[in-house]
Amino acid sequence: MRKIFFLIVLQLLSFLSIRSIFSQSIIIKMFNGTEHNKPLNTVQNLTFPSGNLLLKYTNGNTENFTLSEVRSVLFQGAPLHADFYVSEPVSDELLVYPNPTNSELNLGNIPQGTYFVRIYNLYGALLMQEQVNSESCTINVSHFKQGLYLIEFNNQIGKFFKL
């Protein structure tokens, strides 16, 4: 009975956390000055085939962006504390760059002390945990598949794309 209750609570928490992720939006800024703002709850899949950014929507439609024309991809909205496209350091927010990345993810603006950085897939499975104790560090994510990942650090949650 306890096991069933635990599984139900775990599923409920997983659903609520995924729902809060999808209450945000993805903003695709182009070099020509245009912006495409899409609610994440309408995006079913985001991939990077053949030098493109392909959004597949829950209604079955798709939208294709040539990566060479994309200036930046940002996420916006509560409950996250930061959009990880940062042009100037903010004193208390973790810097995660480059985003998207092929192999290495740099973390900056880490406060003094020893902390754990955790990386999750969108299903909530913990993929990596690394202890950091300096102002910056580099994490190798080259073995991850293409896609969107969540990164947790010191009660902050952010996202990054692996190309």
N, C-alpha and C. Protein backbone atom coordinates (compact mmCIF):
# COMPACT_ATOMS: atom_id res chain seq x y z
N MET A 1 0.83 -1.20 0.00
CA MET A 1 0.00 0.00 0.00
C MET A 1 0.87 1.26 0.00
N ARG A 2 1.92 1.25 0.84
CA ARG A 2 2.83 2.40 0.88
C ARG A 2 3.50 2.63 -0.47
N LYS A 3 3.85 1.52 -1.11
CA LYS A 3 4.53 1.61 -2.40
C LYS A 3 3.61 2.24 -3.45
N ILE A 4 2.36 1.85 -3.46
CA ILE A 4 1.40 2.41 -4.42
C ILE A 4 1.20 3.89 -4.14
N PHE A 5 1.06 4.26 -2.85
CA PHE A 5 0.90 5.67 -2.48
C PHE A 5 2.11 6.47 -2.93
N PHE A 6 3.30 5.95 -2.69
CA PHE A 6 4.53 6.63 -3.09
C PHE A 6 4.57 6.84 -4.60
N LEU A 7 4.20 5.82 -5.38
CA LEU A 7 4.21 5.93 -6.83
C LEU A 7 3.21 6.97 -7.32
N ILE A 8 2.03 7.02 -6.69
CA ILE A 8 1.02 8.00 -7.07
C ILE A 8 1.53 9.41 -6.78
N VAL A 9 2.11 9.62 -5.61
CA VAL A 9 2.66 10.94 -5.25
C VAL A 9 3.78 11.31 -6.20
N LEU A 10 4.64 10.37 -6.53
CA LEU A 10 5.75 10.63 -7.44
C LEU A 10 5.23 11.03 -8.82
N GLN A 11 4.21 10.33 -9.32
CA GLN A 11 3.64 10.69 -10.62
C GLN A 11 3.00 12.07 -10.58
N LEU A 12 2.31 12.39 -9.50
CA LEU A 12 1.67 13.69 -9.37
C LEU A 12 2.72 14.80 -9.36
N LEU A 13 3.80 14.61 -8.59
CA LEU A 13 4.87 15.61 -8.56
C LEU A 13 5.52 15.75 -9.92
N SER A 14 5.73 14.64 -10.60
CA SER A 14 6.32 14.68 -11.94
C SER A 14 5.41 15.45 -12.89
N PHE A 15 4.11 15.19 -12.84
CA PHE A 15 3.16 15.90 -13.70
C PHE A 15 3.17 17.39 -13.41
N LEU A 16 3.18 17.75 -12.12
CA LEU A 16 3.16 19.18 -11.77
C LEU A 16 4.43 19.87 -12.21
N SER A 17 5.58 19.21 -12.07
CA SER A 17 6.82 19.86 -12.48
C SER A 17 6.89 19.99 -13.99
N ILE A 18 6.43 18.98 -14.73
CA ILE A 18 6.42 19.08 -16.19
C ILE A 18 5.43 20.16 -16.62
N ARG A 19 4.28 20.26 -15.94
CA ARG A 19 3.31 21.29 -16.28
C ARG A 19 3.90 22.68 -16.09
N SER A 20 4.71 22.88 -15.02
CA SER A 20 5.30 24.20 -14.81
C SER A 20 6.34 24.51 -15.87
N ILE A 21 7.03 23.48 -16.39
CA ILE A 21 7.98 23.71 -17.47
C ILE A 21 7.23 24.18 -18.71
N PHE A 22 6.11 23.51 -19.02
CA PHE A 22 5.37 23.80 -20.23
C PHE A 22 4.54 25.07 -20.15
N SER A 23 4.50 25.72 -18.98
CA SER A 23 3.76 26.98 -18.89
C SER A 23 4.60 28.15 -19.37
N GLN A 24 5.78 27.86 -19.87
CA GLN A 24 6.69 28.88 -20.33
C GLN A 24 6.64 29.00 -21.84
N SER A 25 7.49 29.87 -22.37
CA SER A 25 7.54 30.02 -23.81
C SER A 25 8.98 29.92 -24.30
N ILE A 26 9.09 29.57 -25.57
CA ILE A 26 10.38 29.53 -26.25
C ILE A 26 10.39 30.72 -27.21
N ILE A 27 11.48 31.47 -27.18
CA ILE A 27 11.62 32.63 -28.05
C ILE A 27 12.79 32.37 -28.99
N ILE A 28 12.51 32.42 -30.28
CA ILE A 28 13.55 32.22 -31.29
C ILE A 28 13.80 33.57 -31.94
N LYS A 29 15.00 34.13 -31.71
CA LYS A 29 15.36 35.43 -32.28
C LYS A 29 16.23 35.20 -33.51
N MET A 30 15.85 35.86 -34.59
CA MET A 30 16.53 35.70 -35.87
C MET A 30 17.51 36.87 -36.09
N PHE A 31 18.51 36.65 -36.92
CA PHE A 31 19.46 37.71 -37.25
C PHE A 31 18.79 38.86 -37.99
N ASN A 32 17.69 38.62 -38.70
CA ASN A 32 17.01 39.69 -39.43
C ASN A 32 16.12 40.54 -38.53
N GLY A 33 16.12 40.27 -37.21
CA GLY A 33 15.37 41.09 -36.25
C GLY A 33 14.01 40.53 -35.86
N THR A 34 13.53 39.52 -36.55
CA THR A 34 12.23 38.96 -36.19
C THR A 34 12.36 38.03 -34.99
N GLU A 35 11.27 37.90 -34.26
CA GLU A 35 11.21 37.00 -33.10
C GLU A 35 10.00 36.10 -33.24
N HIS A 36 10.17 34.86 -32.87
CA HIS A 36 9.08 33.89 -32.87
C HIS A 36 8.89 33.44 -31.42
N ASN A 37 7.75 33.77 -30.83
CA ASN A 37 7.45 33.44 -29.44
C ASN A 37 6.38 32.35 -29.44
N LYS A 38 6.73 31.18 -28.93
CA LYS A 38 5.83 30.03 -28.95
C LYS A 38 5.64 29.50 -27.52
N PRO A 39 4.40 29.28 -27.09
CA PRO A 39 4.17 28.65 -25.78
C PRO A 39 4.71 27.22 -25.80
N LEU A 40 5.45 26.83 -24.76
CA LEU A 40 6.04 25.50 -24.73
C LEU A 40 4.99 24.41 -24.65
N ASN A 41 3.80 24.73 -24.14
CA ASN A 41 2.78 23.69 -24.05
C ASN A 41 2.22 23.32 -25.42
N THR A 42 2.57 24.07 -26.46
CA THR A 42 2.14 23.73 -27.83
C THR A 42 3.24 23.00 -28.59
N VAL A 43 4.44 22.91 -28.01
CA VAL A 43 5.58 22.26 -28.67
C VAL A 43 5.67 20.81 -28.20
N GLN A 44 5.54 19.88 -29.14
CA GLN A 44 5.63 18.46 -28.81
C GLN A 44 7.07 17.97 -28.85
N ASN A 45 7.83 18.49 -29.82
CA ASN A 45 9.17 17.98 -30.03
C ASN A 45 10.03 19.09 -30.62
N LEU A 46 11.28 19.14 -30.20
CA LEU A 46 12.23 20.12 -30.71
C LEU A 46 13.49 19.35 -31.09
N THR A 47 13.88 19.41 -32.36
CA THR A 47 15.05 18.67 -32.82
C THR A 47 15.94 19.58 -33.67
N PHE A 48 17.14 19.09 -33.98
CA PHE A 48 18.11 19.84 -34.77
C PHE A 48 18.59 18.98 -35.94
N PRO A 49 17.72 18.69 -36.91
CA PRO A 49 18.15 17.87 -38.04
C PRO A 49 18.87 18.71 -39.11
N SER A 50 19.97 18.24 -39.59
CA SER A 50 20.67 18.81 -40.75
C SER A 50 20.84 20.32 -40.71
N GLY A 51 21.33 20.86 -39.60
CA GLY A 51 21.59 22.29 -39.51
C GLY A 51 20.34 23.14 -39.38
N ASN A 52 19.26 22.55 -38.94
CA ASN A 52 18.00 23.28 -38.76
C ASN A 52 17.49 23.11 -37.34
N LEU A 53 16.61 23.99 -36.94
CA LEU A 53 15.84 23.87 -35.70
C LEU A 53 14.42 23.54 -36.13
N LEU A 54 13.93 22.38 -35.75
CA LEU A 54 12.61 21.93 -36.17
C LEU A 54 11.71 21.83 -34.95
N LEU A 55 10.62 22.60 -34.96
CA LEU A 55 9.61 22.53 -33.91
C LEU A 55 8.43 21.73 -34.44
N LYS A 56 8.06 20.69 -33.72
CA LYS A 56 6.85 19.93 -34.05
C LYS A 56 5.83 20.26 -32.97
N TYR A 57 4.67 20.73 -33.40
CA TYR A 57 3.64 21.18 -32.47
C TYR A 57 2.66 20.05 -32.14
N THR A 58 1.97 20.21 -31.03
CA THR A 58 1.02 19.20 -30.59
C THR A 58 -0.14 19.02 -31.57
N ASN A 59 -0.42 20.01 -32.40
CA ASN A 59 -1.50 19.89 -33.39
C ASN A 59 -1.04 19.21 -34.69
N GLY A 60 0.23 18.77 -34.74
CA GLY A 60 0.76 18.08 -35.91
C GLY A 60 1.53 18.95 -36.87
N ASN A 61 1.39 20.27 -36.77
CA ASN A 61 2.15 21.18 -37.65
C ASN A 61 3.62 21.20 -37.25
N THR A 62 4.46 21.62 -38.18
CA THR A 62 5.89 21.77 -37.91
C THR A 62 6.34 23.15 -38.38
N GLU A 63 7.44 23.61 -37.79
CA GLU A 63 8.04 24.87 -38.20
C GLU A 63 9.55 24.65 -38.23
N ASN A 64 10.18 25.07 -39.31
CA ASN A 64 11.59 24.83 -39.53
C ASN A 64 12.35 26.15 -39.56
N PHE A 65 13.48 26.23 -38.83
CA PHE A 65 14.33 27.41 -38.81
C PHE A 65 15.74 26.97 -39.19
N THR A 66 16.37 27.69 -40.12
CA THR A 66 17.76 27.41 -40.47
C THR A 66 18.64 27.97 -39.37
N LEU A 67 19.49 27.11 -38.77
CA LEU A 67 20.29 27.53 -37.62
C LEU A 67 21.21 28.71 -37.94
N SER A 68 21.69 28.81 -39.16
CA SER A 68 22.57 29.91 -39.51
C SER A 68 21.84 31.26 -39.48
N GLU A 69 20.50 31.23 -39.49
CA GLU A 69 19.70 32.45 -39.43
C GLU A 69 19.19 32.74 -38.02
N VAL A 70 19.40 31.81 -37.09
CA VAL A 70 18.93 31.97 -35.71
C VAL A 70 20.01 32.64 -34.89
N ARG A 71 19.67 33.79 -34.28
CA ARG A 71 20.61 34.50 -33.41
C ARG A 71 20.65 33.88 -32.02
N SER A 72 19.46 33.56 -31.45
CA SER A 72 19.42 32.96 -30.12
C SER A 72 18.10 32.26 -29.90
N VAL A 73 18.14 31.32 -28.97
CA VAL A 73 16.94 30.62 -28.52
C VAL A 73 16.88 30.81 -27.01
N LEU A 74 15.76 31.34 -26.53
CA LEU A 74 15.61 31.64 -25.12
C LEU A 74 14.35 30.98 -24.58
N PHE A 75 14.33 30.78 -23.29
CA PHE A 75 13.13 30.35 -22.59
C PHE A 75 12.74 31.46 -21.65
N GLN A 76 11.44 31.69 -21.53
CA GLN A 76 10.98 32.79 -20.71
C GLN A 76 9.76 32.36 -19.91
N GLY A 77 9.66 32.87 -18.69
CA GLY A 77 8.47 32.65 -17.89
C GLY A 77 8.77 31.98 -16.57
N ALA A 78 7.83 32.07 -15.65
CA ALA A 78 7.93 31.45 -14.33
C ALA A 78 7.83 29.95 -14.51
N PRO A 79 8.39 29.17 -13.62
CA PRO A 79 9.03 29.49 -12.37
C PRO A 79 10.54 29.60 -12.45
N LEU A 80 11.13 29.52 -13.63
CA LEU A 80 12.59 29.55 -13.71
C LEU A 80 13.13 30.92 -13.32
N HIS A 81 14.32 30.92 -12.78
CA HIS A 81 14.94 32.13 -12.26
C HIS A 81 15.72 32.90 -13.31
N ALA A 82 16.04 32.24 -14.43
CA ALA A 82 16.90 32.93 -15.40
C ALA A 82 16.67 32.39 -16.79
N ASP A 83 16.80 33.25 -17.76
CA ASP A 83 16.95 32.82 -19.14
C ASP A 83 18.46 32.70 -19.33
N PHE A 84 18.92 31.59 -19.89
CA PHE A 84 20.34 31.34 -19.91
C PHE A 84 21.03 31.86 -21.15
N TYR A 85 20.45 32.85 -21.78
CA TYR A 85 21.16 33.63 -22.79
C TYR A 85 21.42 34.96 -22.09
N VAL A 86 22.63 35.13 -21.60
CA VAL A 86 22.94 36.26 -20.74
C VAL A 86 24.04 37.09 -21.37
N SER A 87 23.79 38.37 -21.56
CA SER A 87 24.81 39.21 -22.16
C SER A 87 25.69 39.86 -21.09
N GLU A 88 25.15 40.09 -19.92
CA GLU A 88 25.93 40.63 -18.81
C GLU A 88 25.67 39.79 -17.57
N PRO A 89 26.70 39.48 -16.78
CA PRO A 89 26.48 38.67 -15.59
C PRO A 89 25.52 39.35 -14.61
N VAL A 90 24.66 38.52 -14.04
CA VAL A 90 23.78 38.97 -12.97
C VAL A 90 24.33 38.35 -11.71
N SER A 91 24.46 39.14 -10.64
CA SER A 91 25.24 38.74 -9.48
C SER A 91 24.85 37.41 -8.86
N ASP A 92 23.57 37.06 -8.81
CA ASP A 92 23.20 35.85 -8.11
C ASP A 92 22.66 34.75 -9.01
N GLU A 93 22.79 34.88 -10.32
CA GLU A 93 22.27 33.87 -11.23
C GLU A 93 23.39 33.10 -11.90
N LEU A 94 23.18 31.82 -12.01
CA LEU A 94 24.14 30.94 -12.66
C LEU A 94 24.19 31.23 -14.16
N LEU A 95 25.38 31.29 -14.71
CA LEU A 95 25.56 31.45 -16.15
C LEU A 95 25.80 30.07 -16.76
N VAL A 96 25.05 29.74 -17.80
CA VAL A 96 25.18 28.46 -18.50
C VAL A 96 25.40 28.78 -19.97
N TYR A 97 26.55 28.40 -20.51
CA TYR A 97 26.88 28.74 -21.89
C TYR A 97 27.91 27.77 -22.44
N PRO A 98 28.03 27.59 -23.75
CA PRO A 98 27.13 28.09 -24.79
C PRO A 98 25.83 27.30 -24.76
N ASN A 99 24.81 27.91 -25.21
CA ASN A 99 23.50 27.27 -25.22
C ASN A 99 22.81 27.64 -26.52
N PRO A 100 22.71 26.73 -27.47
CA PRO A 100 22.94 25.29 -27.40
C PRO A 100 24.42 24.93 -27.45
N THR A 101 24.72 23.67 -27.10
CA THR A 101 26.09 23.20 -27.07
C THR A 101 26.22 21.86 -27.79
N ASN A 102 27.42 21.58 -28.28
CA ASN A 102 27.71 20.28 -28.89
C ASN A 102 28.35 19.33 -27.90
N SER A 103 29.26 19.86 -27.06
CA SER A 103 30.03 18.94 -26.23
C SER A 103 30.25 19.42 -24.80
N GLU A 104 30.56 20.69 -24.61
CA GLU A 104 30.87 21.17 -23.27
C GLU A 104 29.93 22.28 -22.87
N LEU A 105 29.54 22.24 -21.60
CA LEU A 105 28.66 23.25 -21.02
C LEU A 105 29.46 23.96 -19.94
N ASN A 106 29.60 25.27 -20.08
CA ASN A 106 30.33 26.05 -19.09
C ASN A 106 29.36 26.65 -18.08
N LEU A 107 29.75 26.59 -16.81
CA LEU A 107 28.98 27.19 -15.74
C LEU A 107 29.81 28.30 -15.12
N GLY A 108 29.21 29.46 -14.94
CA GLY A 108 29.92 30.58 -14.36
C GLY A 108 29.09 31.26 -13.29
N ASN A 109 29.73 32.15 -12.57
CA ASN A 109 29.06 32.91 -11.51
C ASN A 109 28.62 32.00 -10.37
N ILE A 110 29.44 31.00 -10.06
CA ILE A 110 29.13 30.06 -8.99
C ILE A 110 29.59 30.67 -7.67
N PRO A 111 28.72 30.75 -6.67
CA PRO A 111 29.12 31.32 -5.39
C PRO A 111 30.14 30.43 -4.68
N GLN A 112 30.85 31.01 -3.73
CA GLN A 112 31.84 30.25 -2.98
C GLN A 112 31.16 29.13 -2.22
N GLY A 113 31.84 28.01 -2.13
CA GLY A 113 31.30 26.86 -1.44
C GLY A 113 31.33 25.64 -2.32
N THR A 114 30.78 24.55 -1.82
CA THR A 114 30.70 23.31 -2.56
C THR A 114 29.24 23.02 -2.86
N TYR A 115 28.95 22.78 -4.14
CA TYR A 115 27.58 22.57 -4.59
C TYR A 115 27.53 21.37 -5.52
N PHE A 116 26.33 20.88 -5.76
CA PHE A 116 26.11 19.84 -6.75
C PHE A 116 25.35 20.42 -7.93
N VAL A 117 25.80 20.08 -9.12
CA VAL A 117 25.09 20.40 -10.35
C VAL A 117 24.47 19.09 -10.81
N ARG A 118 23.17 19.14 -11.08
CA ARG A 118 22.46 17.94 -11.53
C ARG A 118 21.83 18.22 -12.89
N ILE A 119 21.90 17.24 -13.79
CA ILE A 119 21.30 17.36 -15.11
C ILE A 119 20.26 16.27 -15.25
N TYR A 120 19.05 16.68 -15.70
CA TYR A 120 17.92 15.77 -15.85
C TYR A 120 17.43 15.80 -17.29
N ASN A 121 16.82 14.70 -17.72
CA ASN A 121 16.10 14.74 -18.99
C ASN A 121 14.69 15.27 -18.70
N LEU A 122 13.86 15.44 -19.73
CA LEU A 122 12.53 16.01 -19.53
C LEU A 122 11.57 15.06 -18.84
N TYR A 123 11.97 13.81 -18.67
CA TYR A 123 11.15 12.86 -17.92
C TYR A 123 11.47 12.91 -16.42
N GLY A 124 12.45 13.72 -16.07
CA GLY A 124 12.82 13.86 -14.66
C GLY A 124 13.89 12.89 -14.19
N ALA A 125 14.46 12.11 -15.11
CA ALA A 125 15.50 11.16 -14.73
C ALA A 125 16.83 11.89 -14.56
N LEU A 126 17.50 11.64 -13.45
CA LEU A 126 18.80 12.22 -13.19
C LEU A 126 19.83 11.55 -14.09
N LEU A 127 20.50 12.34 -14.95
CA LEU A 127 21.49 11.81 -15.88
C LEU A 127 22.91 12.01 -15.39
N MET A 128 23.12 13.08 -14.63
CA MET A 128 24.48 13.40 -14.20
C MET A 128 24.42 14.26 -12.94
N GLN A 129 25.36 14.00 -12.06
CA GLN A 129 25.51 14.83 -10.87
C GLN A 129 27.00 15.08 -10.69
N GLU A 130 27.37 16.33 -10.54
CA GLU A 130 28.78 16.67 -10.41
C GLU A 130 28.95 17.70 -9.31
N GLN A 131 29.96 17.50 -8.48
CA GLN A 131 30.26 18.43 -7.40
C GLN A 131 31.17 19.53 -7.93
N VAL A 132 30.83 20.78 -7.63
CA VAL A 132 31.65 21.92 -8.04
C VAL A 132 32.01 22.74 -6.81
N ASN A 133 33.21 23.29 -6.83
CA ASN A 133 33.65 24.11 -5.71
C ASN A 133 34.56 25.25 -6.17
N SER A 134 34.28 25.77 -7.36
CA SER A 134 35.02 26.92 -7.86
C SER A 134 34.04 27.88 -8.53
N GLU A 135 34.52 29.07 -8.92
CA GLU A 135 33.64 30.08 -9.51
C GLU A 135 33.10 29.68 -10.87
N SER A 136 33.79 28.76 -11.55
CA SER A 136 33.32 28.30 -12.85
C SER A 136 33.74 26.85 -13.04
N CYS A 137 33.06 26.16 -13.96
CA CYS A 137 33.44 24.79 -14.28
C CYS A 137 32.92 24.46 -15.67
N THR A 138 33.43 23.38 -16.21
CA THR A 138 33.02 22.88 -17.52
C THR A 138 32.53 21.46 -17.35
N ILE A 139 31.36 21.17 -17.93
CA ILE A 139 30.78 19.84 -17.84
C ILE A 139 30.72 19.25 -19.25
N ASN A 140 31.22 18.03 -19.39
CA ASN A 140 31.20 17.35 -20.68
C ASN A 140 29.83 16.71 -20.87
N VAL A 141 29.10 17.17 -21.89
CA VAL A 141 27.78 16.61 -22.21
C VAL A 141 27.78 15.99 -23.61
N SER A 142 28.96 15.69 -24.13
CA SER A 142 29.07 15.17 -25.50
C SER A 142 28.39 13.82 -25.65
N HIS A 143 28.28 13.05 -24.57
CA HIS A 143 27.66 11.73 -24.64
C HIS A 143 26.13 11.79 -24.56
N PHE A 144 25.55 12.97 -24.32
CA PHE A 144 24.10 13.12 -24.30
C PHE A 144 23.56 13.10 -25.72
N LYS A 145 22.34 12.61 -25.88
CA LYS A 145 21.66 12.67 -27.17
C LYS A 145 21.20 14.10 -27.43
N GLN A 146 20.91 14.40 -28.69
CA GLN A 146 20.35 15.72 -29.03
C GLN A 146 19.06 15.92 -28.27
N GLY A 147 18.85 17.14 -27.79
CA GLY A 147 17.58 17.41 -27.13
C GLY A 147 17.69 18.49 -26.08
N LEU A 148 16.62 18.63 -25.32
CA LEU A 148 16.47 19.63 -24.28
C LEU A 148 16.70 18.96 -22.94
N TYR A 149 17.50 19.60 -22.08
CA TYR A 149 17.82 19.07 -20.76
C TYR A 149 17.60 20.15 -19.71
N LEU A 150 17.37 19.71 -18.49
CA LEU A 150 17.22 20.61 -17.35
C LEU A 150 18.48 20.52 -16.51
N ILE A 151 18.91 21.66 -16.00
CA ILE A 151 20.08 21.69 -15.13
C ILE A 151 19.66 22.34 -13.81
N GLU A 152 20.03 21.70 -12.70
CA GLU A 152 19.68 22.20 -11.37
C GLU A 152 20.96 22.55 -10.63
N PHE A 153 20.93 23.72 -10.03
CA PHE A 153 22.07 24.17 -9.26
C PHE A 153 21.58 25.09 -8.15
N ASN A 154 21.86 24.76 -6.91
CA ASN A 154 21.58 25.64 -5.77
C ASN A 154 20.15 26.20 -5.82
N ASN A 155 19.18 25.32 -6.00
CA ASN A 155 17.74 25.66 -6.07
C ASN A 155 17.36 26.50 -7.28
N GLN A 156 18.19 26.57 -8.29
CA GLN A 156 17.85 27.21 -9.55
C GLN A 156 17.74 26.11 -10.60
N ILE A 157 16.78 26.27 -11.51
CA ILE A 157 16.61 25.30 -12.57
C ILE A 157 16.67 26.04 -13.90
N GLY A 158 17.41 25.49 -14.82
CA GLY A 158 17.52 26.07 -16.15
C GLY A 158 17.48 24.99 -17.20
N LYS A 159 17.56 25.40 -18.45
CA LYS A 159 17.49 24.47 -19.56
C LYS A 159 18.66 24.71 -20.50
N PHE A 160 19.04 23.65 -21.20
CA PHE A 160 20.01 23.82 -22.27
C PHE A 160 19.72 22.82 -23.36
N PHE A 161 20.14 23.14 -24.57
CA PHE A 161 20.00 22.29 -25.73
C PHE A 161 21.32 21.59 -26.00
N LYS A 162 21.26 20.29 -26.26
CA LYS A 162 22.41 19.54 -26.73
C LYS A 162 22.20 19.30 -28.21
N LEU A 163 23.14 19.78 -29.03
CA LEU A 163 23.05 19.60 -30.49
C LEU A 163 23.62 18.25 -30.90
